[in-house]
C-alpha atoms as a PDB file:
ATOM      1  CA  UNK A   1      63.678 145.222  85.631  1.00  0.00           C
ATOM      2  CA  UNK A   2      65.566 147.218  83.012  1.00  0.00           C
ATOM      3  CA  UNK A   3      63.646 148.594  80.060  1.00  0.00           C
ATOM      4  CA  UNK A   4      64.793 148.125  76.489  1.00  0.00           C
ATOM      5  CA  UNK A   5      65.453 151.863  76.218  1.00  0.00           C
ATOM      6  CA  UNK A   6      67.855 151.730  79.187  1.00  0.00           C
ATOM      7  CA  UNK A   7      69.604 148.753  77.595  1.00  0.00           C
ATOM      8  CA  UNK A   8      69.868 150.620  74.293  1.00  0.00           C
ATOM      9  CA  UNK A   9      71.285 153.738  75.981  1.00  0.00           C
ATOM     10  CA  UNK A  10      73.790 151.662  77.911  1.00  0.00           C
ATOM     11  CA  UNK A  11      74.906 149.895  74.721  1.00  0.00           C
ATOM     12  CA  UNK A  12      75.214 153.247  72.917  1.00  0.00           C
ATOM     13  CA  UNK A  13      77.578 154.327  75.706  1.00  0.00           C
ATOM     14  CA  UNK A  14      79.562 151.096  75.459  1.00  0.00           C
ATOM     15  CA  UNK A  15      79.858 151.391  71.674  1.00  0.00           C
ATOM     16  CA  UNK A  16      80.814 155.083  71.858  1.00  0.00           C
ATOM     17  CA  UNK A  17      83.451 154.374  74.518  1.00  0.00           C
ATOM     18  CA  UNK A  18      84.912 151.573  72.414  1.00  0.00           C
ATOM     19  CA  UNK A  19      85.029 153.638  69.211  1.00  0.00           C
ATOM     20  CA  UNK A  20      86.278 156.853  70.844  1.00  0.00           C
ATOM     21  CA  UNK A  21      88.754 155.130  73.156  1.00  0.00           C
ATOM     22  CA  UNK A  22      87.545 157.025  76.230  1.00  0.00           C
ATOM     23  CA  UNK A  23      84.748 156.686  78.775  1.00  0.00           C
ATOM     24  CA  UNK A  24      81.487 158.179  77.510  1.00  0.00           C
ATOM     25  CA  UNK A  25      78.474 158.894  79.715  1.00  0.00           C
ATOM     26  CA  UNK A  26      75.272 158.756  77.707  1.00  0.00           C
ATOM     27  CA  UNK A  27      71.861 160.083  78.694  1.00  0.00           C
ATOM     28  CA  UNK A  28      68.765 160.229  76.483  1.00  0.00           C
ATOM     29  CA  UNK A  29      69.180 163.987  76.053  1.00  0.00           C
ATOM     30  CA  UNK A  30      72.896 163.768  75.152  1.00  0.00           C
ATOM     31  CA  UNK A  31      73.450 165.438  71.761  1.00  0.00           C
ATOM     32  CA  UNK A  32      75.638 163.045  69.784  1.00  0.00           C
ATOM     33  CA  UNK A  33      77.805 165.639  68.046  1.00  0.00           C
ATOM     34  CA  UNK A  34      77.928 168.385  70.649  1.00  0.00           C
ATOM     35  CA  UNK A  35      77.809 166.554  73.997  1.00  0.00           C
ATOM     36  CA  UNK A  36      79.558 163.322  73.041  1.00  0.00           C
ATOM     37  CA  UNK A  37      81.984 164.934  70.558  1.00  0.00           C
ATOM     38  CA  UNK A  38      81.224 162.323  67.896  1.00  0.00           C
ATOM     39  CA  UNK A  39      82.014 163.151  64.268  1.00  0.00           C
ATOM     40  CA  UNK A  40      80.375 161.468  61.289  1.00  0.00           C
ATOM     41  CA  UNK A  41      83.059 158.797  60.902  1.00  0.00           C
ATOM     42  CA  UNK A  42      82.939 157.895  64.588  1.00  0.00           C
ATOM     43  CA  UNK A  43      79.142 157.819  64.407  1.00  0.00           C
ATOM     44  CA  UNK A  44      79.272 155.307  61.560  1.00  0.00           C
ATOM     45  CA  UNK A  45      81.645 153.123  63.594  1.00  0.00           C
ATOM     46  CA  UNK A  46      79.320 153.376  66.599  1.00  0.00           C
ATOM     47  CA  UNK A  47      76.378 152.397  64.383  1.00  0.00           C
ATOM     48  CA  UNK A  48      78.309 149.354  63.130  1.00  0.00           C
ATOM     49  CA  UNK A  49      79.019 148.317  66.731  1.00  0.00           C
ATOM     50  CA  UNK A  50      75.334 148.674  67.604  1.00  0.00           C
ATOM     51  CA  UNK A  51      74.276 146.729  64.505  1.00  0.00           C
ATOM     52  CA  UNK A  52      76.473 143.851  65.657  1.00  0.00           C
ATOM     53  CA  UNK A  53      75.276 144.098  69.260  1.00  0.00           C
ATOM     54  CA  UNK A  54      71.566 144.125  68.426  1.00  0.00           C
ATOM     55  CA  UNK A  55      71.740 142.107  65.169  1.00  0.00           C
ATOM     56  CA  UNK A  56      70.002 144.855  63.198  1.00  0.00           C
ATOM     57  CA  UNK A  57      70.717 146.892  60.087  1.00  0.00           C
ATOM     58  CA  UNK A  58      70.354 150.664  60.402  1.00  0.00           C
ATOM     59  CA  UNK A  59      69.295 152.312  57.130  1.00  0.00           C
ATOM     60  CA  UNK A  60      71.452 155.393  56.510  1.00  0.00           C
ATOM     61  CA  UNK A  61      68.441 157.536  55.600  1.00  0.00           C
ATOM     62  CA  UNK A  62      67.007 156.951  59.097  1.00  0.00           C
ATOM     63  CA  UNK A  63      70.141 158.490  60.676  1.00  0.00           C
ATOM     64  CA  UNK A  64      69.308 161.931  59.295  1.00  0.00           C
ATOM     65  CA  UNK A  65      66.755 162.499  62.063  1.00  0.00           C
ATOM     66  CA  UNK A  66      69.050 161.272  64.860  1.00  0.00           C
ATOM     67  CA  UNK A  67      70.483 164.090  66.976  1.00  0.00           C
ATOM     68  CA  UNK A  68      70.468 162.723  70.527  1.00  0.00           C
ATOM     69  CA  UNK A  69      71.284 159.403  72.143  1.00  0.00           C
ATOM     70  CA  UNK A  70      67.563 159.116  72.892  1.00  0.00           C
ATOM     71  CA  UNK A  71      66.781 159.453  69.172  1.00  0.00           C
ATOM     72  CA  UNK A  72      69.293 156.715  68.397  1.00  0.00           C
ATOM     73  CA  UNK A  73      67.892 154.517  71.162  1.00  0.00           C
ATOM     74  CA  UNK A  74      64.364 154.939  69.775  1.00  0.00           C
ATOM     75  CA  UNK A  75      65.580 154.070  66.276  1.00  0.00           C
ATOM     76  CA  UNK A  76      67.296 150.922  67.591  1.00  0.00           C
ATOM     77  CA  UNK A  77      64.158 149.890  69.451  1.00  0.00           C
ATOM     78  CA  UNK A  78      62.000 150.495  66.363  1.00  0.00           C
ATOM     79  CA  UNK A  79      64.319 148.359  64.235  1.00  0.00           C
ATOM     80  CA  UNK A  80      64.454 145.607  66.861  1.00  0.00           C
ATOM     81  CA  UNK A  81      60.666 145.338  67.084  1.00  0.00           C
ATOM     82  CA  UNK A  82      60.402 145.046  63.290  1.00  0.00           C
ATOM     83  CA  UNK A  83      63.075 142.368  63.043  1.00  0.00           C
END
């Protein structure tokens, strides 16, 4: 059985691939800016994709602590459990 974290990481990869227009391999330790080559505008578009996918709203102030795909996955999971 797949864990929620794995699902979140997979969906982060899907959203990043869609926004960036290229295949993106995402691991929990992948640094969003450095490893995935995501700038702030692309990150916002990825966040919007993930909000639609998971039916959540990501507060912008919570993004300040997000550096890796694992951080983003944890944030998504936290928001999903509170919804």
